[in-house]
Amino acid sequence: MEEFIKQINSYYPLSEESISLLLHICSHEKFEKNTLLLEEGQMARYYYFIKSGLMGYYNLDENGNTVYKIFFEENSFVASTSAIIKNEPSKFSIIALEDCEVIKYPVHVYRELFHKHLDLALFQIHYLEKNWVVKKEPLEISLKYETAKTRYLALMQNRSLFQRLKQHHIASYLGITPTQLSRIRKELNP
């Protein structure tokens, strides 16, 4: 739980009371590789903090192909944030791409807490600003204006993540076929 609280405090420091209340609603869970934590069309019931493992956030296109939006490594917070805010079924699925160990806490109880405790609300605001606005905006721009090759090179910059992903995950994330990815890789490593 120490790393969990450390990560929260890196966004906004919590009082001892808020830490105690938050830890009271948390539980540990393990998910085997390829387990769905949330399936598209379901209501999001939990927030997750990844202690170990790798998760993917994806949906299915009109042909039933998996399209990855983002990947989450250790010390990341994961949830279907938009679905939680709108209180509607998720448009994305969350899957364990490796065996994962998480800390989870229920959406409704947590949201009640941050409505009563300003420091928890400020953590949530700072987290959303950094991860769903500042970090996400360049990603959306790159999808619109950059080539798959340029996006592949950018993904390679995060070596720890890049080395953990399978080729079909990378191709899906880039919005290309595995064959197109092979061509890019061949071009970069003749």
N, C-alpha and C. Protein backbone atom coordinates (compact mmCIF):
# COMPACT_ATOMS: atom_id res chain seq x y z
N MET A 1 0.82 -1.20 0.00
CA MET A 1 0.00 0.00 0.00
C MET A 1 0.87 1.27 0.00
N GLU A 2 2.12 1.10 0.41
CA GLU A 2 3.01 2.26 0.49
C GLU A 2 3.18 2.95 -0.87
N GLU A 3 3.40 2.16 -1.93
CA GLU A 3 3.58 2.75 -3.27
C GLU A 3 2.28 3.38 -3.77
N PHE A 4 1.17 2.80 -3.45
CA PHE A 4 -0.14 3.33 -3.79
C PHE A 4 -0.31 4.74 -3.22
N ILE A 5 -0.05 4.88 -1.93
CA ILE A 5 -0.18 6.20 -1.28
C ILE A 5 0.88 7.16 -1.81
N LYS A 6 2.08 6.67 -2.06
CA LYS A 6 3.14 7.52 -2.62
C LYS A 6 2.71 8.09 -3.97
N GLN A 7 2.12 7.25 -4.81
CA GLN A 7 1.66 7.72 -6.12
C GLN A 7 0.55 8.76 -5.98
N ILE A 8 -0.40 8.51 -5.09
CA ILE A 8 -1.47 9.49 -4.86
C ILE A 8 -0.88 10.81 -4.39
N ASN A 9 0.02 10.73 -3.40
CA ASN A 9 0.62 11.95 -2.85
C ASN A 9 1.47 12.71 -3.87
N SER A 10 1.91 12.03 -4.92
CA SER A 10 2.68 12.73 -5.96
C SER A 10 1.78 13.65 -6.78
N TYR A 11 0.48 13.41 -6.75
CA TYR A 11 -0.48 14.29 -7.42
C TYR A 11 -0.99 15.37 -6.46
N TYR A 12 -1.33 14.95 -5.25
CA TYR A 12 -1.78 15.88 -4.23
C TYR A 12 -1.68 15.16 -2.88
N PRO A 13 -1.04 15.80 -1.89
CA PRO A 13 -0.85 15.11 -0.59
C PRO A 13 -2.16 14.96 0.19
N LEU A 14 -2.38 13.75 0.68
CA LEU A 14 -3.58 13.45 1.46
C LEU A 14 -3.32 13.58 2.94
N SER A 15 -4.35 13.92 3.68
CA SER A 15 -4.28 13.95 5.14
C SER A 15 -4.26 12.51 5.65
N GLU A 16 -3.85 12.34 6.89
CA GLU A 16 -3.84 11.01 7.49
C GLU A 16 -5.26 10.44 7.53
N GLU A 17 -6.24 11.29 7.80
CA GLU A 17 -7.63 10.84 7.85
C GLU A 17 -8.08 10.31 6.49
N SER A 18 -7.76 11.05 5.42
CA SER A 18 -8.17 10.62 4.07
C SER A 18 -7.45 9.33 3.68
N ILE A 19 -6.18 9.22 4.03
CA ILE A 19 -5.44 7.99 3.74
C ILE A 19 -6.11 6.81 4.44
N SER A 20 -6.45 6.99 5.70
CA SER A 20 -7.08 5.92 6.48
C SER A 20 -8.42 5.52 5.86
N LEU A 21 -9.24 6.50 5.49
CA LEU A 21 -10.54 6.22 4.88
C LEU A 21 -10.38 5.51 3.53
N LEU A 22 -9.42 5.96 2.74
CA LEU A 22 -9.18 5.34 1.44
C LEU A 22 -8.70 3.90 1.59
N LEU A 23 -7.74 3.69 2.46
CA LEU A 23 -7.21 2.33 2.66
C LEU A 23 -8.29 1.38 3.17
N HIS A 24 -9.24 1.91 3.92
CA HIS A 24 -10.33 1.10 4.46
C HIS A 24 -11.20 0.51 3.35
N ILE A 25 -11.30 1.18 2.20
CA ILE A 25 -12.17 0.68 1.12
C ILE A 25 -11.38 -0.11 0.06
N CYS A 26 -10.08 -0.21 0.23
CA CYS A 26 -9.23 -0.91 -0.75
C CYS A 26 -9.13 -2.40 -0.46
N SER A 27 -8.94 -3.14 -1.52
CA SER A 27 -8.65 -4.57 -1.39
C SER A 27 -7.63 -4.95 -2.46
N HIS A 28 -6.98 -6.08 -2.23
CA HIS A 28 -5.99 -6.60 -3.17
C HIS A 28 -6.64 -7.68 -4.02
N GLU A 29 -6.22 -7.75 -5.28
CA GLU A 29 -6.71 -8.81 -6.14
C GLU A 29 -5.64 -9.13 -7.17
N LYS A 30 -5.63 -10.38 -7.60
CA LYS A 30 -4.73 -10.81 -8.67
C LYS A 30 -5.56 -11.23 -9.86
N PHE A 31 -5.07 -10.89 -11.05
CA PHE A 31 -5.73 -11.27 -12.29
C PHE A 31 -4.72 -11.99 -13.17
N GLU A 32 -5.12 -13.14 -13.70
CA GLU A 32 -4.25 -13.86 -14.61
C GLU A 32 -4.25 -13.17 -15.97
N LYS A 33 -3.19 -13.39 -16.71
CA LYS A 33 -3.06 -12.87 -18.06
C LYS A 33 -4.33 -13.19 -18.87
N ASN A 34 -4.78 -12.23 -19.65
CA ASN A 34 -5.96 -12.32 -20.53
C ASN A 34 -7.29 -12.26 -19.79
N THR A 35 -7.28 -11.92 -18.51
CA THR A 35 -8.52 -11.74 -17.76
C THR A 35 -9.07 -10.34 -18.02
N LEU A 36 -10.36 -10.27 -18.29
CA LEU A 36 -11.01 -8.96 -18.44
C LEU A 36 -11.37 -8.41 -17.07
N LEU A 37 -10.91 -7.21 -16.77
CA LEU A 37 -11.29 -6.54 -15.54
C LEU A 37 -12.60 -5.79 -15.75
N LEU A 38 -12.80 -5.35 -16.98
CA LEU A 38 -14.02 -4.65 -17.35
C LEU A 38 -14.28 -4.95 -18.81
N GLU A 39 -15.51 -5.29 -19.13
CA GLU A 39 -15.86 -5.58 -20.52
C GLU A 39 -16.70 -4.43 -21.07
N GLU A 40 -16.42 -4.09 -22.31
CA GLU A 40 -17.19 -3.05 -23.01
C GLU A 40 -18.68 -3.33 -22.81
N GLY A 41 -19.45 -2.31 -22.45
CA GLY A 41 -20.88 -2.45 -22.22
C GLY A 41 -21.26 -2.66 -20.77
N GLN A 42 -20.26 -2.93 -19.90
CA GLN A 42 -20.53 -3.10 -18.47
C GLN A 42 -20.33 -1.76 -17.76
N MET A 43 -20.95 -1.64 -16.60
CA MET A 43 -20.72 -0.48 -15.75
C MET A 43 -19.38 -0.67 -15.03
N ALA A 44 -18.60 0.40 -14.96
CA ALA A 44 -17.32 0.35 -14.25
C ALA A 44 -17.61 0.41 -12.75
N ARG A 45 -17.18 -0.60 -12.04
CA ARG A 45 -17.46 -0.68 -10.60
C ARG A 45 -16.25 -0.38 -9.73
N TYR A 46 -15.04 -0.41 -10.34
CA TYR A 46 -13.82 -0.23 -9.55
C TYR A 46 -12.81 0.67 -10.24
N TYR A 47 -12.02 1.33 -9.40
CA TYR A 47 -10.76 1.94 -9.82
C TYR A 47 -9.69 0.92 -9.46
N TYR A 48 -8.63 0.87 -10.25
CA TYR A 48 -7.53 -0.06 -9.99
C TYR A 48 -6.20 0.69 -9.94
N PHE A 49 -5.31 0.21 -9.10
CA PHE A 49 -3.93 0.67 -9.06
C PHE A 49 -3.08 -0.56 -9.32
N ILE A 50 -2.24 -0.53 -10.34
CA ILE A 50 -1.45 -1.71 -10.71
C ILE A 50 -0.19 -1.79 -9.86
N LYS A 51 -0.11 -2.82 -9.04
CA LYS A 51 1.11 -3.08 -8.26
C LYS A 51 2.13 -3.80 -9.13
N SER A 52 1.66 -4.75 -9.94
CA SER A 52 2.55 -5.46 -10.87
C SER A 52 1.73 -5.90 -12.07
N GLY A 53 2.40 -5.93 -13.21
CA GLY A 53 1.74 -6.39 -14.42
C GLY A 53 1.51 -5.27 -15.43
N LEU A 54 0.79 -5.64 -16.49
CA LEU A 54 0.54 -4.74 -17.61
C LEU A 54 -0.91 -4.91 -18.04
N MET A 55 -1.59 -3.79 -18.27
CA MET A 55 -2.99 -3.83 -18.71
C MET A 55 -3.16 -3.04 -19.99
N GLY A 56 -4.20 -3.38 -20.74
CA GLY A 56 -4.54 -2.67 -21.95
C GLY A 56 -5.98 -2.20 -21.90
N TYR A 57 -6.21 -1.08 -22.54
CA TYR A 57 -7.52 -0.42 -22.60
C TYR A 57 -7.90 -0.46 -24.07
N TYR A 58 -8.97 -1.18 -24.44
CA TYR A 58 -9.27 -1.35 -25.86
C TYR A 58 -10.77 -1.39 -26.12
N ASN A 59 -11.11 -1.28 -27.40
CA ASN A 59 -12.47 -1.58 -27.84
C ASN A 59 -12.39 -2.35 -29.14
N LEU A 60 -13.54 -2.77 -29.64
CA LEU A 60 -13.58 -3.53 -30.88
C LEU A 60 -14.09 -2.62 -31.99
N ASP A 61 -13.44 -2.71 -33.17
CA ASP A 61 -13.92 -1.92 -34.31
C ASP A 61 -15.11 -2.62 -34.96
N GLU A 62 -15.63 -2.04 -36.04
CA GLU A 62 -16.83 -2.58 -36.70
C GLU A 62 -16.62 -3.98 -37.26
N ASN A 63 -15.35 -4.39 -37.44
CA ASN A 63 -15.05 -5.74 -37.94
C ASN A 63 -14.72 -6.73 -36.82
N GLY A 64 -14.82 -6.27 -35.58
CA GLY A 64 -14.52 -7.13 -34.44
C GLY A 64 -13.05 -7.21 -34.08
N ASN A 65 -12.23 -6.33 -34.67
CA ASN A 65 -10.80 -6.30 -34.37
C ASN A 65 -10.54 -5.49 -33.11
N THR A 66 -9.59 -5.93 -32.31
CA THR A 66 -9.21 -5.23 -31.09
C THR A 66 -8.39 -4.00 -31.45
N VAL A 67 -8.79 -2.85 -30.89
CA VAL A 67 -8.06 -1.60 -31.10
C VAL A 67 -7.65 -1.07 -29.74
N TYR A 68 -6.33 -1.13 -29.45
CA TYR A 68 -5.83 -0.66 -28.17
C TYR A 68 -5.70 0.85 -28.17
N LYS A 69 -6.19 1.46 -27.09
CA LYS A 69 -6.12 2.91 -26.93
C LYS A 69 -4.88 3.30 -26.12
N ILE A 70 -4.63 2.55 -25.06
CA ILE A 70 -3.52 2.89 -24.17
C ILE A 70 -3.14 1.65 -23.36
N PHE A 71 -1.91 1.66 -22.85
CA PHE A 71 -1.41 0.58 -22.01
C PHE A 71 -1.02 1.16 -20.65
N PHE A 72 -1.16 0.35 -19.61
CA PHE A 72 -0.85 0.79 -18.24
C PHE A 72 0.13 -0.18 -17.61
N GLU A 73 1.22 0.36 -17.08
CA GLU A 73 2.23 -0.44 -16.38
C GLU A 73 2.07 -0.27 -14.88
N GLU A 74 3.00 -0.85 -14.14
CA GLU A 74 3.02 -0.73 -12.69
C GLU A 74 2.92 0.73 -12.26
N ASN A 75 2.32 0.92 -11.10
CA ASN A 75 2.14 2.24 -10.47
C ASN A 75 1.24 3.17 -11.27
N SER A 76 0.33 2.57 -12.05
CA SER A 76 -0.66 3.34 -12.80
C SER A 76 -2.04 3.12 -12.20
N PHE A 77 -2.85 4.14 -12.32
CA PHE A 77 -4.26 4.05 -11.95
C PHE A 77 -5.04 3.75 -13.22
N VAL A 78 -5.97 2.80 -13.14
CA VAL A 78 -6.72 2.37 -14.31
C VAL A 78 -8.20 2.33 -13.98
N ALA A 79 -9.01 2.86 -14.87
CA ALA A 79 -10.47 2.78 -14.75
C ALA A 79 -11.05 3.23 -16.07
N SER A 80 -12.31 2.93 -16.28
CA SER A 80 -13.02 3.48 -17.44
C SER A 80 -13.55 4.84 -17.01
N THR A 81 -12.65 5.81 -17.00
CA THR A 81 -12.90 7.12 -16.41
C THR A 81 -14.13 7.81 -16.99
N SER A 82 -14.25 7.85 -18.29
CA SER A 82 -15.39 8.50 -18.91
C SER A 82 -16.70 7.84 -18.51
N ALA A 83 -16.73 6.53 -18.49
CA ALA A 83 -17.94 5.80 -18.11
C ALA A 83 -18.30 6.10 -16.65
N ILE A 84 -17.30 6.21 -15.80
CA ILE A 84 -17.55 6.51 -14.38
C ILE A 84 -18.14 7.92 -14.25
N ILE A 85 -17.54 8.87 -14.91
CA ILE A 85 -18.01 10.25 -14.82
C ILE A 85 -19.43 10.39 -15.35
N LYS A 86 -19.71 9.71 -16.48
CA LYS A 86 -21.03 9.80 -17.09
C LYS A 86 -22.04 8.84 -16.46
N ASN A 87 -21.58 7.92 -15.62
CA ASN A 87 -22.41 6.88 -15.03
C ASN A 87 -23.17 6.10 -16.11
N GLU A 88 -22.38 5.61 -17.07
CA GLU A 88 -22.95 4.83 -18.16
C GLU A 88 -22.03 3.64 -18.46
N PRO A 89 -22.50 2.67 -19.22
CA PRO A 89 -21.66 1.51 -19.55
C PRO A 89 -20.38 1.94 -20.27
N SER A 90 -19.32 1.21 -20.02
CA SER A 90 -18.03 1.52 -20.61
C SER A 90 -18.01 1.26 -22.11
N LYS A 91 -17.32 2.11 -22.84
CA LYS A 91 -17.14 1.92 -24.28
C LYS A 91 -15.84 1.18 -24.56
N PHE A 92 -15.11 0.86 -23.48
CA PHE A 92 -13.83 0.17 -23.60
C PHE A 92 -13.79 -1.02 -22.67
N SER A 93 -12.91 -1.94 -22.98
CA SER A 93 -12.62 -3.07 -22.09
C SER A 93 -11.24 -2.86 -21.50
N ILE A 94 -11.03 -3.40 -20.32
CA ILE A 94 -9.71 -3.37 -19.68
C ILE A 94 -9.30 -4.83 -19.49
N ILE A 95 -8.10 -5.17 -19.99
CA ILE A 95 -7.63 -6.56 -19.94
C ILE A 95 -6.23 -6.62 -19.33
N ALA A 96 -5.98 -7.70 -18.59
CA ALA A 96 -4.65 -7.97 -18.06
C ALA A 96 -3.83 -8.59 -19.20
N LEU A 97 -2.78 -7.89 -19.64
CA LEU A 97 -1.92 -8.41 -20.70
C LEU A 97 -0.80 -9.29 -20.13
N GLU A 98 -0.62 -9.21 -18.84
CA GLU A 98 0.29 -10.07 -18.08
C GLU A 98 -0.45 -10.42 -16.80
N ASP A 99 0.07 -11.36 -16.02
CA ASP A 99 -0.49 -11.57 -14.69
C ASP A 99 -0.35 -10.26 -13.93
N CYS A 100 -1.40 -9.84 -13.25
CA CYS A 100 -1.41 -8.55 -12.57
C CYS A 100 -1.82 -8.69 -11.11
N GLU A 101 -1.24 -7.84 -10.30
CA GLU A 101 -1.68 -7.68 -8.93
C GLU A 101 -2.08 -6.23 -8.77
N VAL A 102 -3.27 -6.01 -8.23
CA VAL A 102 -3.81 -4.66 -8.14
C VAL A 102 -4.33 -4.36 -6.75
N ILE A 103 -4.48 -3.08 -6.50
CA ILE A 103 -5.28 -2.59 -5.39
C ILE A 103 -6.53 -2.03 -6.06
N LYS A 104 -7.69 -2.44 -5.57
CA LYS A 104 -8.92 -1.93 -6.18
C LYS A 104 -9.77 -1.27 -5.10
N TYR A 105 -10.56 -0.30 -5.56
CA TYR A 105 -11.46 0.37 -4.64
C TYR A 105 -12.73 0.74 -5.40
N PRO A 106 -13.89 0.57 -4.74
CA PRO A 106 -15.17 0.72 -5.41
C PRO A 106 -15.46 2.17 -5.82
N VAL A 107 -15.95 2.33 -7.02
CA VAL A 107 -16.22 3.65 -7.61
C VAL A 107 -17.14 4.48 -6.72
N HIS A 108 -18.30 3.94 -6.38
CA HIS A 108 -19.29 4.76 -5.68
C HIS A 108 -18.83 5.17 -4.29
N VAL A 109 -18.21 4.28 -3.56
CA VAL A 109 -17.74 4.61 -2.21
C VAL A 109 -16.61 5.64 -2.30
N TYR A 110 -15.70 5.44 -3.24
CA TYR A 110 -14.60 6.39 -3.41
C TYR A 110 -15.12 7.79 -3.79
N ARG A 111 -16.08 7.82 -4.71
CA ARG A 111 -16.62 9.12 -5.14
C ARG A 111 -17.35 9.82 -3.99
N GLU A 112 -18.00 9.07 -3.12
CA GLU A 112 -18.61 9.66 -1.93
C GLU A 112 -17.54 10.27 -1.04
N LEU A 113 -16.41 9.56 -0.91
CA LEU A 113 -15.31 10.08 -0.10
C LEU A 113 -14.76 11.38 -0.66
N PHE A 114 -14.55 11.44 -1.98
CA PHE A 114 -13.93 12.67 -2.47
C PHE A 114 -14.92 13.83 -2.54
N HIS A 115 -16.19 13.55 -2.40
CA HIS A 115 -17.15 14.65 -2.27
C HIS A 115 -17.13 15.24 -0.85
N LYS A 116 -16.62 14.47 0.09
CA LYS A 116 -16.57 14.91 1.49
C LYS A 116 -15.19 15.38 1.93
N HIS A 117 -14.15 14.99 1.19
CA HIS A 117 -12.76 15.30 1.59
C HIS A 117 -12.06 16.01 0.45
N LEU A 118 -11.78 17.28 0.67
CA LEU A 118 -11.20 18.14 -0.37
C LEU A 118 -9.89 17.58 -0.90
N ASP A 119 -9.04 17.04 -0.04
CA ASP A 119 -7.75 16.55 -0.52
C ASP A 119 -7.91 15.39 -1.50
N LEU A 120 -8.89 14.51 -1.29
CA LEU A 120 -9.16 13.42 -2.23
C LEU A 120 -9.69 13.98 -3.56
N ALA A 121 -10.54 14.99 -3.47
CA ALA A 121 -11.06 15.62 -4.69
C ALA A 121 -9.93 16.28 -5.46
N LEU A 122 -9.01 16.94 -4.75
CA LEU A 122 -7.89 17.60 -5.42
C LEU A 122 -6.93 16.57 -6.04
N PHE A 123 -6.74 15.44 -5.36
CA PHE A 123 -5.95 14.37 -5.98
C PHE A 123 -6.61 13.97 -7.30
N GLN A 124 -7.93 13.73 -7.27
CA GLN A 124 -8.65 13.28 -8.46
C GLN A 124 -8.53 14.31 -9.59
N ILE A 125 -8.67 15.57 -9.28
CA ILE A 125 -8.56 16.64 -10.28
C ILE A 125 -7.17 16.67 -10.88
N HIS A 126 -6.15 16.66 -10.02
CA HIS A 126 -4.76 16.70 -10.51
C HIS A 126 -4.43 15.47 -11.36
N TYR A 127 -4.90 14.30 -10.92
CA TYR A 127 -4.68 13.08 -11.69
C TYR A 127 -5.32 13.21 -13.07
N LEU A 128 -6.58 13.60 -13.12
CA LEU A 128 -7.29 13.72 -14.40
C LEU A 128 -6.62 14.75 -15.31
N GLU A 129 -6.23 15.87 -14.75
CA GLU A 129 -5.58 16.91 -15.56
C GLU A 129 -4.30 16.38 -16.18
N LYS A 130 -3.48 15.72 -15.38
CA LYS A 130 -2.18 15.26 -15.88
C LYS A 130 -2.32 14.10 -16.86
N ASN A 131 -3.16 13.14 -16.55
CA ASN A 131 -3.21 11.91 -17.35
C ASN A 131 -4.26 11.89 -18.45
N TRP A 132 -5.33 12.61 -18.29
CA TRP A 132 -6.39 12.56 -19.29
C TRP A 132 -6.53 13.85 -20.08
N VAL A 133 -5.70 14.85 -19.76
CA VAL A 133 -5.68 16.07 -20.56
C VAL A 133 -4.27 16.29 -21.09
N VAL A 134 -3.33 16.59 -20.21
CA VAL A 134 -1.96 16.94 -20.61
C VAL A 134 -1.27 15.79 -21.35
N LYS A 135 -1.35 14.59 -20.81
CA LYS A 135 -0.67 13.43 -21.40
C LYS A 135 -1.40 12.91 -22.64
N LYS A 136 -2.72 13.00 -22.65
CA LYS A 136 -3.53 12.42 -23.71
C LYS A 136 -3.59 13.30 -24.95
N GLU A 137 -3.55 14.60 -24.78
CA GLU A 137 -3.69 15.51 -25.91
C GLU A 137 -2.65 15.28 -27.01
N PRO A 138 -1.35 15.19 -26.68
CA PRO A 138 -0.37 14.92 -27.74
C PRO A 138 -0.61 13.58 -28.44
N LEU A 139 -1.10 12.60 -27.69
CA LEU A 139 -1.42 11.30 -28.27
C LEU A 139 -2.50 11.44 -29.34
N GLU A 140 -3.53 12.19 -29.04
CA GLU A 140 -4.62 12.37 -30.00
C GLU A 140 -4.16 13.15 -31.22
N ILE A 141 -3.30 14.13 -31.01
CA ILE A 141 -2.77 14.90 -32.14
C ILE A 141 -1.90 14.01 -33.01
N SER A 142 -1.06 13.18 -32.38
CA SER A 142 -0.17 12.31 -33.16
C SER A 142 -0.98 11.31 -33.99
N LEU A 143 -2.10 10.82 -33.45
CA LEU A 143 -2.94 9.88 -34.21
C LEU A 143 -3.50 10.53 -35.47
N LYS A 144 -3.73 11.82 -35.39
CA LYS A 144 -4.34 12.52 -36.52
C LYS A 144 -3.31 12.96 -37.56
N TYR A 145 -2.09 13.32 -37.12
CA TYR A 145 -1.15 13.96 -38.02
C TYR A 145 0.14 13.20 -38.30
N GLU A 146 0.48 12.22 -37.47
CA GLU A 146 1.75 11.51 -37.64
C GLU A 146 1.55 10.16 -38.33
N THR A 147 2.59 9.72 -38.99
CA THR A 147 2.53 8.42 -39.66
C THR A 147 2.68 7.31 -38.62
N ALA A 148 2.30 6.11 -39.00
CA ALA A 148 2.44 4.95 -38.12
C ALA A 148 3.92 4.75 -37.74
N LYS A 149 4.81 5.01 -38.68
CA LYS A 149 6.24 4.86 -38.42
C LYS A 149 6.69 5.83 -37.33
N THR A 150 6.25 7.08 -37.41
CA THR A 150 6.61 8.08 -36.40
C THR A 150 6.05 7.70 -35.04
N ARG A 151 4.81 7.21 -35.01
CA ARG A 151 4.19 6.80 -33.75
C ARG A 151 4.89 5.56 -33.17
N TYR A 152 5.34 4.67 -34.08
CA TYR A 152 6.08 3.48 -33.65
C TYR A 152 7.39 3.90 -32.97
N LEU A 153 8.09 4.84 -33.59
CA LEU A 153 9.35 5.33 -33.01
C LEU A 153 9.10 5.99 -31.66
N ALA A 154 8.00 6.71 -31.53
CA ALA A 154 7.66 7.34 -30.25
C ALA A 154 7.36 6.28 -29.19
N LEU A 155 6.63 5.23 -29.57
CA LEU A 155 6.33 4.15 -28.63
C LEU A 155 7.61 3.45 -28.18
N MET A 156 8.57 3.32 -29.10
CA MET A 156 9.85 2.68 -28.76
C MET A 156 10.61 3.44 -27.67
N GLN A 157 10.34 4.74 -27.54
CA GLN A 157 11.04 5.55 -26.54
C GLN A 157 10.75 5.07 -25.11
N ASN A 158 9.59 4.50 -24.90
CA ASN A 158 9.27 3.92 -23.60
C ASN A 158 9.70 2.45 -23.63
N ARG A 159 10.98 2.22 -23.44
CA ARG A 159 11.58 0.88 -23.60
C ARG A 159 10.92 -0.17 -22.72
N SER A 160 10.65 0.19 -21.45
CA SER A 160 10.09 -0.82 -20.55
C SER A 160 8.73 -1.30 -21.04
N LEU A 161 7.90 -0.39 -21.52
CA LEU A 161 6.60 -0.78 -22.07
C LEU A 161 6.76 -1.49 -23.40
N PHE A 162 7.54 -0.92 -24.30
CA PHE A 162 7.71 -1.45 -25.65
C PHE A 162 8.15 -2.91 -25.62
N GLN A 163 9.08 -3.24 -24.76
CA GLN A 163 9.61 -4.61 -24.69
C GLN A 163 8.60 -5.62 -24.15
N ARG A 164 7.58 -5.13 -23.47
CA ARG A 164 6.58 -6.02 -22.88
C ARG A 164 5.41 -6.30 -23.82
N LEU A 165 5.25 -5.49 -24.85
CA LEU A 165 4.11 -5.62 -25.75
C LEU A 165 4.36 -6.64 -26.85
N LYS A 166 3.33 -7.38 -27.20
CA LYS A 166 3.38 -8.30 -28.34
C LYS A 166 3.21 -7.48 -29.61
N GLN A 167 3.65 -8.02 -30.73
CA GLN A 167 3.58 -7.29 -31.99
C GLN A 167 2.13 -6.95 -32.37
N HIS A 168 1.20 -7.86 -32.09
CA HIS A 168 -0.20 -7.55 -32.44
C HIS A 168 -0.77 -6.44 -31.57
N HIS A 169 -0.26 -6.29 -30.32
CA HIS A 169 -0.68 -5.16 -29.48
C HIS A 169 -0.19 -3.85 -30.09
N ILE A 170 1.06 -3.85 -30.52
CA ILE A 170 1.66 -2.64 -31.10
C ILE A 170 0.93 -2.26 -32.39
N ALA A 171 0.70 -3.22 -33.26
CA ALA A 171 0.00 -2.94 -34.52
C ALA A 171 -1.39 -2.37 -34.24
N SER A 172 -2.10 -2.97 -33.32
CA SER A 172 -3.44 -2.50 -32.97
C SER A 172 -3.41 -1.08 -32.44
N TYR A 173 -2.47 -0.81 -31.55
CA TYR A 173 -2.31 0.52 -30.96
C TYR A 173 -2.00 1.57 -32.04
N LEU A 174 -1.19 1.19 -33.01
CA LEU A 174 -0.82 2.12 -34.09
C LEU A 174 -1.92 2.24 -35.15
N GLY A 175 -2.89 1.33 -35.10
CA GLY A 175 -3.97 1.37 -36.08
C GLY A 175 -3.58 0.82 -37.43
N ILE A 176 -2.66 -0.15 -37.41
CA ILE A 176 -2.19 -0.77 -38.66
C ILE A 176 -2.27 -2.29 -38.53
N THR A 177 -2.06 -2.98 -39.63
CA THR A 177 -2.08 -4.44 -39.61
C THR A 177 -0.70 -4.96 -39.18
N PRO A 178 -0.63 -6.20 -38.71
CA PRO A 178 0.68 -6.79 -38.39
C PRO A 178 1.63 -6.78 -39.59
N THR A 179 1.10 -6.95 -40.78
CA THR A 179 1.93 -6.92 -41.99
C THR A 179 2.55 -5.53 -42.18
N GLN A 180 1.75 -4.50 -41.98
CA GLN A 180 2.27 -3.13 -42.09
C GLN A 180 3.34 -2.88 -41.01
N LEU A 181 3.12 -3.41 -39.82
CA LEU A 181 4.11 -3.26 -38.76
C LEU A 181 5.40 -3.96 -39.14
N SER A 182 5.32 -5.14 -39.73
CA SER A 182 6.52 -5.86 -40.17
C SER A 182 7.30 -5.04 -41.18
N ARG A 183 6.60 -4.36 -42.08
CA ARG A 183 7.28 -3.51 -43.07
C ARG A 183 8.00 -2.36 -42.39
N ILE A 184 7.36 -1.74 -41.43
CA ILE A 184 7.99 -0.63 -40.70
C ILE A 184 9.23 -1.13 -39.98
N ARG A 185 9.12 -2.27 -39.29
CA ARG A 185 10.25 -2.83 -38.55
C ARG A 185 11.40 -3.17 -39.50
N LYS A 186 11.06 -3.74 -40.64
CA LYS A 186 12.07 -4.10 -41.65
C LYS A 186 12.78 -2.84 -42.17
N GLU A 187 12.01 -1.81 -42.40
CA GLU A 187 12.57 -0.55 -42.89
C GLU A 187 13.52 0.08 -41.87
N LEU A 188 13.18 -0.05 -40.58
CA LEU A 188 14.01 0.54 -39.53
C LEU A 188 15.23 -0.32 -39.20
N ASN A 189 15.12 -1.63 -39.44
CA ASN A 189 16.20 -2.56 -39.14
C ASN A 189 16.50 -3.43 -40.37
N PRO A 190 17.09 -2.83 -41.41
CA PRO A 190 17.32 -3.59 -42.65
C PRO A 190 18.27 -4.76 -42.48
